[in-house]
Amino acid sequence: MIVKLSDTNNIEISVLGQKMQAISYLGKAFLPTNLAGEVQKLVPACRRDLDMGLISMVVEEPNTHRLWTSVPKEMQI
């Protein structure tokens, strides 16, 4: 899934007691990964995450694309 950053909402979540800046999309919270660059390189990483049971998406940011991974509600405390 590829979305524009403007289609998301900035939120702050607490993950295992640590406050973190995240984005919300379709009711799910996502944190950025260290993977950024061309979409063609990020889509396979997104697929690997999906194969492991994670929900990830490629977000179009102002100067690049970045892989963001969802944070399960169980980890948001």
N, C-alpha and C. Protein backbone atom coordinates (compact mmCIF):
# COMPACT_ATOMS: atom_id res chain seq x y z
N MET A 1 0.85 -1.16 0.00
CA MET A 1 0.00 0.00 0.00
C MET A 1 0.90 1.24 0.00
N ILE A 2 0.59 2.19 -0.85
CA ILE A 2 1.33 3.44 -0.93
C ILE A 2 0.36 4.58 -0.67
N VAL A 3 0.67 5.42 0.32
CA VAL A 3 -0.20 6.55 0.65
C VAL A 3 0.64 7.82 0.76
N LYS A 4 -0.02 8.95 0.65
CA LYS A 4 0.65 10.24 0.84
C LYS A 4 0.62 10.60 2.32
N LEU A 5 1.66 11.24 2.78
CA LEU A 5 1.74 11.66 4.17
C LEU A 5 0.56 12.56 4.53
N SER A 6 0.09 13.35 3.56
CA SER A 6 -1.04 14.25 3.81
C SER A 6 -2.35 13.50 4.04
N ASP A 7 -2.40 12.23 3.69
CA ASP A 7 -3.59 11.41 3.91
C ASP A 7 -3.61 10.76 5.29
N THR A 8 -2.59 11.03 6.09
CA THR A 8 -2.48 10.45 7.43
C THR A 8 -2.64 11.55 8.48
N ASN A 9 -2.76 11.15 9.73
CA ASN A 9 -2.83 12.10 10.84
C ASN A 9 -1.64 11.87 11.76
N ASN A 10 -1.00 12.96 12.18
CA ASN A 10 0.08 12.84 13.16
C ASN A 10 -0.52 12.57 14.53
N ILE A 11 0.04 11.60 15.24
CA ILE A 11 -0.42 11.27 16.58
C ILE A 11 0.79 10.98 17.47
N GLU A 12 0.55 10.96 18.75
CA GLU A 12 1.57 10.54 19.71
C GLU A 12 1.04 9.30 20.40
N ILE A 13 1.85 8.24 20.43
CA ILE A 13 1.44 7.02 21.10
C ILE A 13 2.48 6.65 22.14
N SER A 14 2.08 5.80 23.06
CA SER A 14 2.99 5.28 24.06
C SER A 14 3.21 3.81 23.76
N VAL A 15 4.45 3.46 23.45
CA VAL A 15 4.80 2.07 23.14
C VAL A 15 5.70 1.56 24.25
N LEU A 16 5.17 0.59 24.98
CA LEU A 16 5.90 0.02 26.11
C LEU A 16 6.40 1.11 27.05
N GLY A 17 5.56 2.12 27.27
CA GLY A 17 5.86 3.19 28.21
C GLY A 17 6.66 4.35 27.64
N GLN A 18 7.04 4.28 26.37
CA GLN A 18 7.82 5.35 25.76
C GLN A 18 6.95 6.11 24.75
N LYS A 19 6.87 7.44 24.90
CA LYS A 19 6.08 8.25 23.98
C LYS A 19 6.81 8.37 22.64
N MET A 20 6.05 8.18 21.56
CA MET A 20 6.64 8.21 20.23
C MET A 20 5.71 8.94 19.27
N GLN A 21 6.31 9.63 18.30
CA GLN A 21 5.54 10.28 17.24
C GLN A 21 5.20 9.23 16.19
N ALA A 22 3.95 9.18 15.80
CA ALA A 22 3.48 8.19 14.85
C ALA A 22 2.48 8.84 13.90
N ILE A 23 1.97 8.05 12.98
CA ILE A 23 0.88 8.50 12.13
C ILE A 23 -0.27 7.51 12.27
N SER A 24 -1.46 8.01 12.00
CA SER A 24 -2.65 7.17 12.03
C SER A 24 -3.22 7.11 10.62
N TYR A 25 -3.57 5.89 10.20
CA TYR A 25 -4.18 5.70 8.89
C TYR A 25 -5.17 4.56 8.99
N LEU A 26 -6.40 4.81 8.61
CA LEU A 26 -7.48 3.82 8.68
C LEU A 26 -7.60 3.19 10.06
N GLY A 27 -7.43 4.02 11.09
CA GLY A 27 -7.63 3.56 12.46
C GLY A 27 -6.46 2.81 13.06
N LYS A 28 -5.35 2.71 12.35
CA LYS A 28 -4.17 2.01 12.87
C LYS A 28 -3.03 3.00 13.04
N ALA A 29 -2.19 2.74 14.05
CA ALA A 29 -1.02 3.57 14.31
C ALA A 29 0.19 2.95 13.62
N PHE A 30 1.01 3.80 13.01
CA PHE A 30 2.21 3.35 12.30
C PHE A 30 3.42 4.14 12.79
N LEU A 31 4.55 3.44 12.90
CA LEU A 31 5.82 4.07 13.24
C LEU A 31 6.74 3.98 12.03
N PRO A 32 7.62 4.99 11.85
CA PRO A 32 8.53 4.95 10.71
C PRO A 32 9.64 3.92 10.93
N THR A 33 10.10 3.35 9.84
CA THR A 33 11.27 2.47 9.89
C THR A 33 12.46 3.26 9.37
N ASN A 34 13.61 2.63 9.35
CA ASN A 34 14.81 3.27 8.81
C ASN A 34 14.92 3.11 7.30
N LEU A 35 13.96 2.40 6.70
CA LEU A 35 14.00 2.16 5.26
C LEU A 35 13.33 3.30 4.52
N ALA A 36 14.10 3.96 3.65
CA ALA A 36 13.57 5.07 2.85
C ALA A 36 14.26 5.05 1.50
N GLY A 37 13.61 5.64 0.51
CA GLY A 37 14.20 5.71 -0.82
C GLY A 37 13.17 5.49 -1.90
N GLU A 38 13.57 4.75 -2.93
CA GLU A 38 12.71 4.52 -4.08
C GLU A 38 11.63 3.50 -3.75
N VAL A 39 10.44 3.74 -4.29
CA VAL A 39 9.30 2.85 -4.05
C VAL A 39 9.64 1.42 -4.44
N GLN A 40 10.34 1.24 -5.56
CA GLN A 40 10.66 -0.10 -6.05
C GLN A 40 11.46 -0.90 -5.03
N LYS A 41 12.24 -0.24 -4.19
CA LYS A 41 13.03 -0.93 -3.17
C LYS A 41 12.23 -1.17 -1.89
N LEU A 42 11.21 -0.35 -1.67
CA LEU A 42 10.43 -0.46 -0.43
C LEU A 42 9.30 -1.48 -0.53
N VAL A 43 8.75 -1.66 -1.71
CA VAL A 43 7.62 -2.59 -1.87
C VAL A 43 8.01 -4.02 -1.47
N PRO A 44 9.19 -4.54 -1.86
CA PRO A 44 9.55 -5.89 -1.40
C PRO A 44 9.68 -5.98 0.13
N ALA A 45 10.16 -4.92 0.77
CA ALA A 45 10.25 -4.92 2.24
C ALA A 45 8.86 -4.94 2.85
N CYS A 46 7.94 -4.23 2.23
CA CYS A 46 6.54 -4.22 2.68
C CYS A 46 5.96 -5.63 2.56
N ARG A 47 6.28 -6.31 1.48
CA ARG A 47 5.79 -7.68 1.26
C ARG A 47 6.38 -8.64 2.30
N ARG A 48 7.66 -8.49 2.62
CA ARG A 48 8.29 -9.34 3.64
C ARG A 48 7.59 -9.15 4.98
N ASP A 49 7.29 -7.90 5.32
CA ASP A 49 6.56 -7.64 6.57
C ASP A 49 5.22 -8.34 6.56
N LEU A 50 4.51 -8.24 5.45
CA LEU A 50 3.21 -8.88 5.33
C LEU A 50 3.33 -10.40 5.50
N ASP A 51 4.35 -10.98 4.91
CA ASP A 51 4.58 -12.43 5.04
C ASP A 51 4.84 -12.83 6.49
N MET A 52 5.35 -11.90 7.30
CA MET A 52 5.62 -12.17 8.72
C MET A 52 4.43 -11.79 9.60
N GLY A 53 3.33 -11.36 8.98
CA GLY A 53 2.14 -11.01 9.74
C GLY A 53 2.06 -9.57 10.19
N LEU A 54 2.95 -8.72 9.67
CA LEU A 54 2.94 -7.30 10.02
C LEU A 54 2.22 -6.51 8.93
N ILE A 55 1.67 -5.38 9.32
CA ILE A 55 1.05 -4.48 8.35
C ILE A 55 1.99 -3.30 8.16
N SER A 56 2.46 -3.12 6.95
CA SER A 56 3.34 -2.00 6.62
C SER A 56 2.79 -1.27 5.42
N MET A 57 3.24 -0.04 5.26
CA MET A 57 2.85 0.73 4.08
C MET A 57 3.98 1.67 3.71
N VAL A 58 4.02 2.01 2.44
CA VAL A 58 4.98 2.98 1.93
C VAL A 58 4.29 4.33 1.95
N VAL A 59 4.94 5.30 2.59
CA VAL A 59 4.37 6.65 2.71
C VAL A 59 5.20 7.61 1.87
N GLU A 60 4.51 8.35 1.01
CA GLU A 60 5.16 9.37 0.19
C GLU A 60 5.36 10.61 1.06
N GLU A 61 6.61 10.88 1.41
CA GLU A 61 6.97 12.05 2.21
C GLU A 61 7.47 13.14 1.28
N PRO A 62 7.70 14.36 1.78
CA PRO A 62 8.07 15.46 0.89
C PRO A 62 9.25 15.17 -0.05
N ASN A 63 10.32 14.54 0.45
CA ASN A 63 11.50 14.35 -0.39
C ASN A 63 11.87 12.89 -0.64
N THR A 64 11.05 11.97 -0.14
CA THR A 64 11.38 10.55 -0.28
C THR A 64 10.14 9.71 -0.01
N HIS A 65 10.31 8.43 -0.07
CA HIS A 65 9.29 7.47 0.36
C HIS A 65 9.87 6.70 1.54
N ARG A 66 9.03 6.34 2.52
CA ARG A 66 9.51 5.64 3.71
C ARG A 66 8.56 4.50 4.04
N LEU A 67 9.12 3.42 4.56
CA LEU A 67 8.32 2.30 5.03
C LEU A 67 7.89 2.57 6.47
N TRP A 68 6.60 2.46 6.74
CA TRP A 68 6.03 2.62 8.07
C TRP A 68 5.38 1.30 8.45
N THR A 69 5.54 0.88 9.70
CA THR A 69 5.00 -0.39 10.19
C THR A 69 3.98 -0.14 11.28
N SER A 70 2.89 -0.91 11.24
CA SER A 70 1.83 -0.73 12.23
C SER A 70 2.29 -1.20 13.60
N VAL A 71 1.70 -0.59 14.62
CA VAL A 71 1.98 -0.95 16.01
C VAL A 71 0.73 -1.61 16.57
N PRO A 72 0.81 -2.89 16.95
CA PRO A 72 -0.37 -3.55 17.52
C PRO A 72 -0.87 -2.82 18.77
N LYS A 73 -2.17 -2.78 18.94
CA LYS A 73 -2.76 -2.10 20.10
C LYS A 73 -2.22 -2.67 21.41
N GLU A 74 -1.88 -3.96 21.42
CA GLU A 74 -1.36 -4.58 22.63
C GLU A 74 -0.04 -3.97 23.08
N MET A 75 0.71 -3.37 22.14
CA MET A 75 1.99 -2.74 22.49
C MET A 75 1.83 -1.29 22.88
N GLN A 76 0.65 -0.72 22.64
CA GLN A 76 0.40 0.68 22.95
C GLN A 76 -0.14 0.78 24.36
N ILE A 77 0.76 1.04 25.30
CA ILE A 77 0.34 1.16 26.70
C ILE A 77 0.86 2.45 27.30
